[in-house]
Amino acid sequence: MITTLNKIRAVDPCADGWRKLLAHLGKTQADDEPLAVTTIIDSNGLDDALWCLRAVEGCDREIRLYAVWCARQVQHLMTDPRSIAALDVAERFANGGATQVELNAARDATWDATWDAAGAAAGAATWDATWDAARYAARSAARSAAGAATWNTAWASAWASAWAAQEAQLRLICAGDTP
């Protein structure tokens, strides 16, 4: 998965993350040189790399499936069947098996479930199935996994473990090692 500094710049990155990435690359301004998402992970970390997915073209399917994968990591915490059904629709949509109308209906149902039962991971994963979905699903999945643990060392351990798993999965997707 690749993008360019110009594509990232066009979607208004945060100033700190932008400076950090330029410094890592030894550059002072944007250009059109191909830039691997894994390089962004190495430089700025997973959160910024997930945000930069909005500047990646031609990988919508992979990004959507990643969002669903992240949400499925905490599916066991979802109590509303609308959230799980929305994940199924989002996955089918990414694979060409559901329509935009079905995706929109699932998104709406999931937002209702989110407000009804705080199913944030699934809601984020299906929100318009955009590039933002990957970022928010990953963060929600990590928070949910951590939240299921205690608010002490176990919380930090769960958060780190979920975040590491999400980073590893994104690296696999970037390498083309997942469907």
N, C-alpha and C. Protein backbone atom coordinates (compact mmCIF):
# COMPACT_ATOMS: atom_id res chain seq x y z
N MET A 1 0.85 -1.16 0.00
CA MET A 1 0.00 0.00 0.00
C MET A 1 0.89 1.22 0.00
N ILE A 2 0.65 2.10 -0.95
CA ILE A 2 1.49 3.29 -1.06
C ILE A 2 0.62 4.53 -1.21
N THR A 3 1.25 5.66 -0.90
CA THR A 3 0.66 6.97 -1.12
C THR A 3 1.82 7.89 -1.47
N THR A 4 1.62 9.18 -1.38
CA THR A 4 2.70 10.15 -1.58
C THR A 4 2.55 11.25 -0.55
N LEU A 5 3.60 12.00 -0.36
CA LEU A 5 3.52 13.14 0.55
C LEU A 5 2.51 14.17 0.05
N ASN A 6 2.44 14.37 -1.26
CA ASN A 6 1.46 15.33 -1.79
C ASN A 6 0.03 14.89 -1.49
N LYS A 7 -0.24 13.58 -1.59
CA LYS A 7 -1.58 13.09 -1.29
C LYS A 7 -1.90 13.25 0.20
N ILE A 8 -0.92 12.99 1.03
CA ILE A 8 -1.13 13.18 2.47
C ILE A 8 -1.35 14.65 2.77
N ARG A 9 -0.54 15.50 2.20
CA ARG A 9 -0.67 16.95 2.43
C ARG A 9 -2.04 17.45 2.00
N ALA A 10 -2.60 16.88 0.93
CA ALA A 10 -3.89 17.31 0.42
C ALA A 10 -5.04 17.03 1.38
N VAL A 11 -4.85 16.11 2.32
CA VAL A 11 -5.92 15.79 3.28
C VAL A 11 -5.63 16.41 4.66
N ASP A 12 -4.79 17.42 4.68
CA ASP A 12 -4.53 18.23 5.88
C ASP A 12 -4.09 17.44 7.11
N PRO A 13 -2.89 16.89 7.09
CA PRO A 13 -2.40 16.16 8.26
C PRO A 13 -2.13 17.13 9.41
N CYS A 14 -2.07 16.59 10.61
CA CYS A 14 -1.73 17.43 11.77
C CYS A 14 -0.28 17.91 11.62
N ALA A 15 -0.02 19.09 12.12
CA ALA A 15 1.30 19.70 11.95
C ALA A 15 2.41 18.86 12.57
N ASP A 16 2.19 18.34 13.78
CA ASP A 16 3.24 17.56 14.45
C ASP A 16 3.56 16.28 13.69
N GLY A 17 2.52 15.55 13.27
CA GLY A 17 2.73 14.32 12.53
C GLY A 17 3.40 14.57 11.20
N TRP A 18 3.01 15.66 10.54
CA TRP A 18 3.59 16.02 9.25
C TRP A 18 5.09 16.31 9.41
N ARG A 19 5.44 17.12 10.39
CA ARG A 19 6.86 17.43 10.62
C ARG A 19 7.66 16.18 10.96
N LYS A 20 7.07 15.31 11.77
CA LYS A 20 7.75 14.07 12.15
C LYS A 20 8.02 13.19 10.93
N LEU A 21 7.03 13.07 10.05
CA LEU A 21 7.19 12.25 8.85
C LEU A 21 8.24 12.85 7.92
N LEU A 22 8.17 14.16 7.69
CA LEU A 22 9.18 14.80 6.83
C LEU A 22 10.58 14.60 7.39
N ALA A 23 10.74 14.77 8.71
CA ALA A 23 12.06 14.60 9.32
C ALA A 23 12.55 13.17 9.15
N HIS A 24 11.66 12.20 9.34
CA HIS A 24 12.04 10.79 9.18
C HIS A 24 12.52 10.52 7.76
N LEU A 25 11.86 11.17 6.80
CA LEU A 25 12.22 10.96 5.40
C LEU A 25 13.38 11.85 4.95
N GLY A 26 13.81 12.77 5.80
CA GLY A 26 14.88 13.69 5.43
C GLY A 26 14.45 14.68 4.38
N LYS A 27 13.19 15.09 4.44
CA LYS A 27 12.63 16.02 3.44
C LYS A 27 12.11 17.27 4.13
N THR A 28 11.94 18.31 3.32
CA THR A 28 11.41 19.56 3.84
C THR A 28 10.06 19.93 3.22
N GLN A 29 9.67 19.21 2.19
CA GLN A 29 8.40 19.51 1.54
C GLN A 29 7.83 18.26 0.87
N ALA A 30 6.56 18.37 0.50
CA ALA A 30 5.86 17.25 -0.12
C ALA A 30 6.36 17.02 -1.54
N ASP A 31 6.23 15.76 -1.99
CA ASP A 31 6.57 15.39 -3.35
C ASP A 31 5.69 14.22 -3.77
N ASP A 32 5.90 13.74 -4.97
CA ASP A 32 5.10 12.63 -5.49
C ASP A 32 5.83 11.30 -5.48
N GLU A 33 6.90 11.21 -4.72
CA GLU A 33 7.63 9.95 -4.61
C GLU A 33 6.76 8.94 -3.85
N PRO A 34 6.66 7.70 -4.35
CA PRO A 34 5.85 6.69 -3.65
C PRO A 34 6.32 6.52 -2.20
N LEU A 35 5.34 6.43 -1.31
CA LEU A 35 5.62 6.31 0.12
C LEU A 35 4.79 5.16 0.67
N ALA A 36 5.46 4.15 1.18
CA ALA A 36 4.78 2.98 1.72
C ALA A 36 4.13 3.32 3.06
N VAL A 37 2.94 2.79 3.28
CA VAL A 37 2.25 2.98 4.55
C VAL A 37 3.10 2.40 5.69
N THR A 38 3.82 1.34 5.42
CA THR A 38 4.68 0.76 6.46
C THR A 38 5.77 1.75 6.89
N THR A 39 6.22 2.60 5.98
CA THR A 39 7.19 3.63 6.34
C THR A 39 6.56 4.63 7.30
N ILE A 40 5.29 4.93 7.08
CA ILE A 40 4.58 5.85 7.98
C ILE A 40 4.42 5.21 9.36
N ILE A 41 4.13 3.90 9.39
CA ILE A 41 4.05 3.19 10.67
C ILE A 41 5.41 3.30 11.39
N ASP A 42 6.48 3.03 10.65
CA ASP A 42 7.82 3.06 11.24
C ASP A 42 8.17 4.46 11.77
N SER A 43 7.76 5.47 11.05
CA SER A 43 8.09 6.84 11.41
C SER A 43 7.18 7.39 12.51
N ASN A 44 5.88 7.31 12.29
CA ASN A 44 4.93 8.02 13.13
C ASN A 44 4.06 7.13 14.01
N GLY A 45 4.07 5.84 13.74
CA GLY A 45 3.23 4.95 14.53
C GLY A 45 1.92 4.62 13.83
N LEU A 46 1.21 3.70 14.44
CA LEU A 46 -0.02 3.18 13.84
C LEU A 46 -1.10 4.23 13.69
N ASP A 47 -1.31 5.06 14.69
CA ASP A 47 -2.40 6.04 14.64
C ASP A 47 -2.28 6.95 13.43
N ASP A 48 -1.09 7.50 13.20
CA ASP A 48 -0.89 8.37 12.04
C ASP A 48 -1.00 7.58 10.73
N ALA A 49 -0.50 6.35 10.73
CA ALA A 49 -0.58 5.53 9.52
C ALA A 49 -2.04 5.25 9.17
N LEU A 50 -2.86 4.96 10.18
CA LEU A 50 -4.28 4.72 9.93
C LEU A 50 -4.92 5.99 9.38
N TRP A 51 -4.57 7.12 9.92
CA TRP A 51 -5.12 8.38 9.44
C TRP A 51 -4.71 8.60 7.97
N CYS A 52 -3.48 8.24 7.64
CA CYS A 52 -2.97 8.43 6.27
C CYS A 52 -3.62 7.50 5.25
N LEU A 53 -4.36 6.49 5.71
CA LEU A 53 -5.03 5.60 4.75
C LEU A 53 -6.00 6.37 3.86
N ARG A 54 -6.47 7.53 4.31
CA ARG A 54 -7.36 8.35 3.48
C ARG A 54 -6.62 8.87 2.24
N ALA A 55 -5.29 8.82 2.26
CA ALA A 55 -4.49 9.30 1.13
C ALA A 55 -3.98 8.14 0.28
N VAL A 56 -4.51 6.95 0.49
CA VAL A 56 -4.14 5.77 -0.30
C VAL A 56 -5.24 5.53 -1.32
N GLU A 57 -4.85 5.35 -2.56
CA GLU A 57 -5.83 5.09 -3.62
C GLU A 57 -5.72 3.65 -4.10
N GLY A 58 -6.85 3.09 -4.50
CA GLY A 58 -6.86 1.76 -5.09
C GLY A 58 -6.83 0.61 -4.09
N CYS A 59 -7.00 0.89 -2.83
CA CYS A 59 -6.96 -0.17 -1.81
C CYS A 59 -8.20 -0.13 -0.93
N ASP A 60 -9.31 0.36 -1.47
CA ASP A 60 -10.53 0.48 -0.68
C ASP A 60 -10.93 -0.85 -0.06
N ARG A 61 -10.87 -1.91 -0.82
CA ARG A 61 -11.27 -3.23 -0.32
C ARG A 61 -10.42 -3.63 0.88
N GLU A 62 -9.12 -3.52 0.74
CA GLU A 62 -8.22 -3.92 1.81
C GLU A 62 -8.44 -3.08 3.07
N ILE A 63 -8.64 -1.78 2.88
CA ILE A 63 -8.84 -0.89 4.02
C ILE A 63 -10.17 -1.21 4.72
N ARG A 64 -11.20 -1.46 3.94
CA ARG A 64 -12.49 -1.82 4.54
C ARG A 64 -12.41 -3.16 5.27
N LEU A 65 -11.74 -4.12 4.67
CA LEU A 65 -11.61 -5.42 5.34
C LEU A 65 -10.77 -5.30 6.61
N TYR A 66 -9.80 -4.42 6.61
CA TYR A 66 -9.02 -4.17 7.81
C TYR A 66 -9.91 -3.59 8.92
N ALA A 67 -10.76 -2.64 8.55
CA ALA A 67 -11.68 -2.05 9.53
C ALA A 67 -12.57 -3.12 10.14
N VAL A 68 -13.09 -4.00 9.29
CA VAL A 68 -13.94 -5.09 9.79
C VAL A 68 -13.12 -6.02 10.67
N TRP A 69 -11.91 -6.35 10.26
CA TRP A 69 -11.05 -7.22 11.07
C TRP A 69 -10.85 -6.63 12.47
N CYS A 70 -10.56 -5.33 12.53
CA CYS A 70 -10.36 -4.68 13.83
C CYS A 70 -11.61 -4.79 14.69
N ALA A 71 -12.76 -4.52 14.11
CA ALA A 71 -14.01 -4.60 14.87
C ALA A 71 -14.30 -6.03 15.30
N ARG A 72 -13.96 -6.99 14.47
CA ARG A 72 -14.22 -8.38 14.83
C ARG A 72 -13.37 -8.84 16.02
N GLN A 73 -12.29 -8.14 16.29
CA GLN A 73 -11.46 -8.49 17.45
C GLN A 73 -12.20 -8.28 18.76
N VAL A 74 -13.22 -7.43 18.72
CA VAL A 74 -14.01 -7.19 19.93
C VAL A 74 -15.48 -7.55 19.70
N GLN A 75 -15.74 -8.33 18.69
CA GLN A 75 -17.12 -8.73 18.39
C GLN A 75 -17.77 -9.42 19.58
N HIS A 76 -16.99 -10.15 20.35
CA HIS A 76 -17.53 -10.85 21.51
C HIS A 76 -18.09 -9.89 22.56
N LEU A 77 -17.71 -8.62 22.48
CA LEU A 77 -18.23 -7.62 23.41
C LEU A 77 -19.50 -6.95 22.89
N MET A 78 -19.84 -7.21 21.65
CA MET A 78 -21.03 -6.59 21.05
C MET A 78 -22.27 -7.36 21.48
N THR A 79 -23.18 -6.65 22.07
CA THR A 79 -24.40 -7.30 22.57
C THR A 79 -25.60 -7.08 21.66
N ASP A 80 -25.52 -6.13 20.76
CA ASP A 80 -26.63 -5.85 19.86
C ASP A 80 -26.40 -6.55 18.52
N PRO A 81 -27.33 -7.41 18.09
CA PRO A 81 -27.13 -8.15 16.84
C PRO A 81 -27.01 -7.24 15.61
N ARG A 82 -27.49 -6.00 15.70
CA ARG A 82 -27.36 -5.07 14.57
C ARG A 82 -25.90 -4.73 14.31
N SER A 83 -25.10 -4.70 15.36
CA SER A 83 -23.67 -4.41 15.19
C SER A 83 -22.97 -5.54 14.45
N ILE A 84 -23.26 -6.75 14.84
CA ILE A 84 -22.63 -7.91 14.18
C ILE A 84 -23.13 -8.03 12.74
N ALA A 85 -24.42 -7.80 12.53
CA ALA A 85 -24.97 -7.84 11.17
C ALA A 85 -24.31 -6.78 10.29
N ALA A 86 -24.04 -5.62 10.87
CA ALA A 86 -23.39 -4.55 10.10
C ALA A 86 -21.98 -4.95 9.69
N LEU A 87 -21.28 -5.65 10.56
CA LEU A 87 -19.95 -6.14 10.20
C LEU A 87 -20.04 -7.10 9.02
N ASP A 88 -21.04 -7.97 9.06
CA ASP A 88 -21.22 -8.92 7.96
C ASP A 88 -21.49 -8.18 6.65
N VAL A 89 -22.34 -7.15 6.70
CA VAL A 89 -22.66 -6.38 5.49
C VAL A 89 -21.42 -5.63 5.01
N ALA A 90 -20.67 -5.02 5.93
CA ALA A 90 -19.47 -4.29 5.55
C ALA A 90 -18.45 -5.21 4.88
N GLU A 91 -18.33 -6.41 5.41
CA GLU A 91 -17.41 -7.38 4.81
C GLU A 91 -17.90 -7.82 3.42
N ARG A 92 -19.19 -8.08 3.32
CA ARG A 92 -19.75 -8.45 2.01
C ARG A 92 -19.59 -7.30 1.01
N PHE A 93 -19.80 -6.07 1.46
CA PHE A 93 -19.65 -4.91 0.58
C PHE A 93 -18.22 -4.82 0.07
N ALA A 94 -17.26 -4.98 0.95
CA ALA A 94 -15.85 -4.92 0.54
C ALA A 94 -15.52 -5.98 -0.50
N ASN A 95 -16.19 -7.12 -0.40
CA ASN A 95 -15.95 -8.22 -1.34
C ASN A 95 -16.91 -8.21 -2.53
N GLY A 96 -17.70 -7.15 -2.68
CA GLY A 96 -18.60 -7.02 -3.82
C GLY A 96 -19.91 -7.77 -3.67
N GLY A 97 -20.24 -8.22 -2.46
CA GLY A 97 -21.45 -9.01 -2.26
C GLY A 97 -22.60 -8.26 -1.63
N ALA A 98 -22.47 -6.96 -1.41
CA ALA A 98 -23.56 -6.14 -0.86
C ALA A 98 -23.56 -4.81 -1.59
N THR A 99 -24.72 -4.20 -1.65
CA THR A 99 -24.86 -2.92 -2.35
C THR A 99 -24.61 -1.75 -1.41
N GLN A 100 -24.45 -0.59 -2.00
CA GLN A 100 -24.30 0.63 -1.21
C GLN A 100 -25.55 0.87 -0.36
N VAL A 101 -26.71 0.55 -0.91
CA VAL A 101 -27.97 0.70 -0.16
C VAL A 101 -27.95 -0.19 1.08
N GLU A 102 -27.51 -1.44 0.92
CA GLU A 102 -27.41 -2.36 2.06
C GLU A 102 -26.40 -1.85 3.09
N LEU A 103 -25.28 -1.33 2.61
CA LEU A 103 -24.27 -0.81 3.50
C LEU A 103 -24.82 0.39 4.28
N ASN A 104 -25.51 1.28 3.58
CA ASN A 104 -26.09 2.45 4.25
C ASN A 104 -27.10 2.03 5.31
N ALA A 105 -27.94 1.05 4.97
CA ALA A 105 -28.94 0.57 5.93
C ALA A 105 -28.26 -0.05 7.15
N ALA A 106 -27.20 -0.81 6.91
CA ALA A 106 -26.46 -1.43 8.02
C ALA A 106 -25.80 -0.35 8.87
N ARG A 107 -25.25 0.66 8.21
CA ARG A 107 -24.63 1.77 8.95
C ARG A 107 -25.67 2.45 9.83
N ASP A 108 -26.83 2.74 9.28
CA ASP A 108 -27.87 3.40 10.07
C ASP A 108 -28.31 2.54 11.25
N ALA A 109 -28.49 1.25 10.99
CA ALA A 109 -28.89 0.34 12.07
C ALA A 109 -27.81 0.27 13.14
N THR A 110 -26.56 0.28 12.70
CA THR A 110 -25.46 0.20 13.65
C THR A 110 -25.34 1.46 14.47
N TRP A 111 -25.58 2.60 13.84
CA TRP A 111 -25.55 3.84 14.63
C TRP A 111 -26.66 3.83 15.66
N ASP A 112 -27.81 3.29 15.31
CA ASP A 112 -28.87 3.14 16.31
C ASP A 112 -28.39 2.24 17.44
N ALA A 113 -27.75 1.13 17.07
CA ALA A 113 -27.23 0.20 18.07
C ALA A 113 -26.14 0.87 18.90
N THR A 114 -25.33 1.68 18.24
CA THR A 114 -24.26 2.37 18.94
C THR A 114 -24.84 3.27 20.02
N TRP A 115 -25.84 4.02 19.63
CA TRP A 115 -26.45 4.92 20.61
C TRP A 115 -27.24 4.12 21.64
N ASP A 116 -27.81 3.01 21.21
CA ASP A 116 -28.58 2.19 22.15
C ASP A 116 -27.68 1.40 23.08
N ALA A 117 -26.57 0.88 22.59
CA ALA A 117 -25.76 -0.04 23.39
C ALA A 117 -24.27 0.25 23.32
N ALA A 118 -23.90 1.42 22.81
CA ALA A 118 -22.49 1.83 22.73
C ALA A 118 -21.65 0.83 21.94
N GLY A 119 -22.17 0.38 20.80
CA GLY A 119 -21.40 -0.54 19.95
C GLY A 119 -20.48 0.24 19.03
N ALA A 120 -19.59 1.00 19.60
CA ALA A 120 -18.76 1.93 18.83
C ALA A 120 -17.84 1.25 17.82
N ALA A 121 -17.30 0.10 18.12
CA ALA A 121 -16.37 -0.53 17.18
C ALA A 121 -17.05 -0.86 15.87
N ALA A 122 -18.23 -1.47 15.93
CA ALA A 122 -18.94 -1.80 14.71
C ALA A 122 -19.45 -0.56 14.02
N GLY A 123 -19.91 0.41 14.78
CA GLY A 123 -20.40 1.65 14.19
C GLY A 123 -19.30 2.36 13.43
N ALA A 124 -18.12 2.42 14.02
CA ALA A 124 -17.01 3.06 13.34
C ALA A 124 -16.58 2.28 12.11
N ALA A 125 -16.63 0.95 12.20
CA ALA A 125 -16.18 0.11 11.08
C ALA A 125 -17.08 0.27 9.87
N THR A 126 -18.33 0.61 10.08
CA THR A 126 -19.23 0.70 8.94
C THR A 126 -19.58 2.13 8.55
N TRP A 127 -19.17 3.09 9.28
CA TRP A 127 -19.49 4.47 8.97
C TRP A 127 -19.01 4.82 7.57
N ASP A 128 -19.95 4.82 6.66
CA ASP A 128 -19.72 5.11 5.24
C ASP A 128 -18.61 4.28 4.61
N ALA A 129 -18.10 3.29 5.34
CA ALA A 129 -17.01 2.44 4.86
C ALA A 129 -15.88 3.27 4.25
N THR A 130 -15.57 4.37 4.92
CA THR A 130 -14.51 5.26 4.42
C THR A 130 -13.17 4.89 5.01
N TRP A 131 -12.18 5.64 4.61
CA TRP A 131 -10.84 5.42 5.14
C TRP A 131 -10.82 5.69 6.63
N ASP A 132 -11.65 6.64 7.10
CA ASP A 132 -11.71 6.91 8.53
C ASP A 132 -12.14 5.68 9.31
N ALA A 133 -12.91 4.82 8.69
CA ALA A 133 -13.42 3.64 9.41
C ALA A 133 -12.27 2.81 9.95
N ALA A 134 -11.22 2.64 9.19
CA ALA A 134 -10.11 1.82 9.67
C ALA A 134 -9.50 2.42 10.92
N ARG A 135 -9.29 3.71 10.89
CA ARG A 135 -8.68 4.37 12.05
C ARG A 135 -9.57 4.26 13.28
N TYR A 136 -10.83 4.61 13.12
CA TYR A 136 -11.72 4.60 14.28
C TYR A 136 -12.02 3.18 14.76
N ALA A 137 -12.14 2.25 13.84
CA ALA A 137 -12.37 0.86 14.26
C ALA A 137 -11.18 0.34 15.03
N ALA A 138 -9.98 0.65 14.55
CA ALA A 138 -8.79 0.19 15.24
C ALA A 138 -8.71 0.79 16.64
N ARG A 139 -8.96 2.08 16.73
CA ARG A 139 -8.91 2.73 18.05
C ARG A 139 -10.01 2.18 18.95
N SER A 140 -11.21 2.01 18.39
CA SER A 140 -12.31 1.49 19.20
C SER A 140 -12.04 0.06 19.64
N ALA A 141 -11.49 -0.73 18.73
CA ALA A 141 -11.18 -2.12 19.09
C ALA A 141 -10.14 -2.16 20.21
N ALA A 142 -9.11 -1.33 20.08
CA ALA A 142 -8.09 -1.31 21.12
C ALA A 142 -8.69 -0.82 22.44
N ARG A 143 -9.49 0.22 22.38
CA ARG A 143 -10.11 0.74 23.60
C ARG A 143 -11.06 -0.30 24.20
N SER A 144 -11.82 -0.96 23.35
CA SER A 144 -12.76 -1.96 23.87
C SER A 144 -12.03 -3.13 24.51
N ALA A 145 -10.96 -3.58 23.86
CA ALA A 145 -10.19 -4.68 24.43
C ALA A 145 -9.58 -4.25 25.77
N ALA A 146 -9.07 -3.03 25.79
CA ALA A 146 -8.49 -2.53 27.02
C ALA A 146 -9.57 -2.30 28.07
N GLY A 147 -10.71 -1.79 27.64
CA GLY A 147 -11.79 -1.52 28.57
C GLY A 147 -12.34 -2.78 29.20
N ALA A 148 -12.25 -3.90 28.50
CA ALA A 148 -12.72 -5.16 29.03
C ALA A 148 -11.80 -5.65 30.15
N ALA A 149 -10.59 -5.17 30.14
CA ALA A 149 -9.65 -5.51 31.22
C ALA A 149 -9.87 -4.52 32.38
N THR A 150 -8.99 -4.48 33.30
CA THR A 150 -9.13 -3.55 34.42
C THR A 150 -8.44 -2.25 34.11
N TRP A 151 -8.68 -1.24 34.96
CA TRP A 151 -8.11 0.09 34.72
C TRP A 151 -6.75 0.24 35.39
N ASN A 152 -5.94 -0.77 35.31
CA ASN A 152 -4.60 -0.71 35.88
C ASN A 152 -3.61 -1.29 34.88
N THR A 153 -2.67 -2.04 35.33
CA THR A 153 -1.66 -2.63 34.45
C THR A 153 -2.28 -3.51 33.39
N ALA A 154 -3.33 -4.24 33.74
CA ALA A 154 -4.00 -5.09 32.76
C ALA A 154 -4.59 -4.25 31.63
N TRP A 155 -5.11 -3.07 31.97
CA TRP A 155 -5.66 -2.16 30.95
C TRP A 155 -4.57 -1.79 29.96
N ALA A 156 -3.44 -1.36 30.48
CA ALA A 156 -2.33 -0.95 29.61
C ALA A 156 -1.84 -2.13 28.77
N SER A 157 -1.79 -3.30 29.37
CA SER A 157 -1.34 -4.49 28.66
C SER A 157 -2.31 -4.86 27.54
N ALA A 158 -3.61 -4.80 27.84
CA ALA A 158 -4.62 -5.13 26.82
C ALA A 158 -4.57 -4.13 25.67
N TRP A 159 -4.44 -2.86 26.01
CA TRP A 159 -4.35 -1.81 24.98
C TRP A 159 -3.15 -2.08 24.08
N ALA A 160 -2.00 -2.29 24.68
CA ALA A 160 -0.77 -2.51 23.91
C ALA A 160 -0.88 -3.76 23.05
N SER A 161 -1.47 -4.80 23.59
CA SER A 161 -1.63 -6.04 22.85
C SER A 161 -2.55 -5.86 21.65
N ALA A 162 -3.68 -5.20 21.86
CA ALA A 162 -4.62 -4.96 20.75
C ALA A 162 -3.98 -4.07 19.69
N TRP A 163 -3.30 -3.03 20.12
CA TRP A 163 -2.65 -2.10 19.19
C TRP A 163 -1.57 -2.82 18.39
N ALA A 164 -0.79 -3.68 19.05
CA ALA A 164 0.27 -4.44 18.37
C ALA A 164 -0.34 -5.39 17.34
N ALA A 165 -1.45 -6.02 17.69
CA ALA A 165 -2.11 -6.93 16.75
C ALA A 165 -2.63 -6.15 15.54
N GLN A 166 -3.17 -4.97 15.78
CA GLN A 166 -3.67 -4.15 14.68
C GLN A 166 -2.54 -3.68 13.78
N GLU A 167 -1.41 -3.33 14.38
CA GLU A 167 -0.26 -2.93 13.58
C GLU A 167 0.25 -4.10 12.74
N ALA A 168 0.34 -5.27 13.35
CA ALA A 168 0.81 -6.45 12.63
C ALA A 168 -0.13 -6.77 11.46
N GLN A 169 -1.43 -6.67 11.69
CA GLN A 169 -2.40 -6.96 10.63
C GLN A 169 -2.28 -5.94 9.50
N LEU A 170 -2.12 -4.66 9.83
CA LEU A 170 -1.96 -3.65 8.79
C LEU A 170 -0.68 -3.89 7.99
N ARG A 171 0.39 -4.28 8.67
CA ARG A 171 1.63 -4.58 7.95
C ARG A 171 1.44 -5.75 6.99
N LEU A 172 0.70 -6.78 7.41
CA LEU A 172 0.40 -7.91 6.51
C LEU A 172 -0.39 -7.45 5.30
N ILE A 173 -1.38 -6.60 5.53
CA ILE A 173 -2.20 -6.11 4.41
C ILE A 173 -1.33 -5.29 3.46
N CYS A 174 -0.47 -4.43 4.00
CA CYS A 174 0.40 -3.62 3.17
C CYS A 174 1.35 -4.48 2.34
N ALA A 175 1.73 -5.61 2.90
CA ALA A 175 2.63 -6.51 2.18
C ALA A 175 1.88 -7.40 1.19
N GLY A 176 0.55 -7.31 1.20
CA GLY A 176 -0.25 -8.11 0.30
C GLY A 176 -0.40 -9.56 0.75
N ASP A 177 -0.20 -9.80 2.07
CA ASP A 177 -0.25 -11.16 2.59
C ASP A 177 -1.61 -11.59 3.10
N THR A 178 -2.63 -10.75 2.90
CA THR A 178 -3.98 -11.12 3.30
C THR A 178 -4.92 -10.87 2.14
N PRO A 179 -6.05 -11.58 2.09
CA PRO A 179 -6.99 -11.38 0.97
C PRO A 179 -7.64 -10.02 1.01
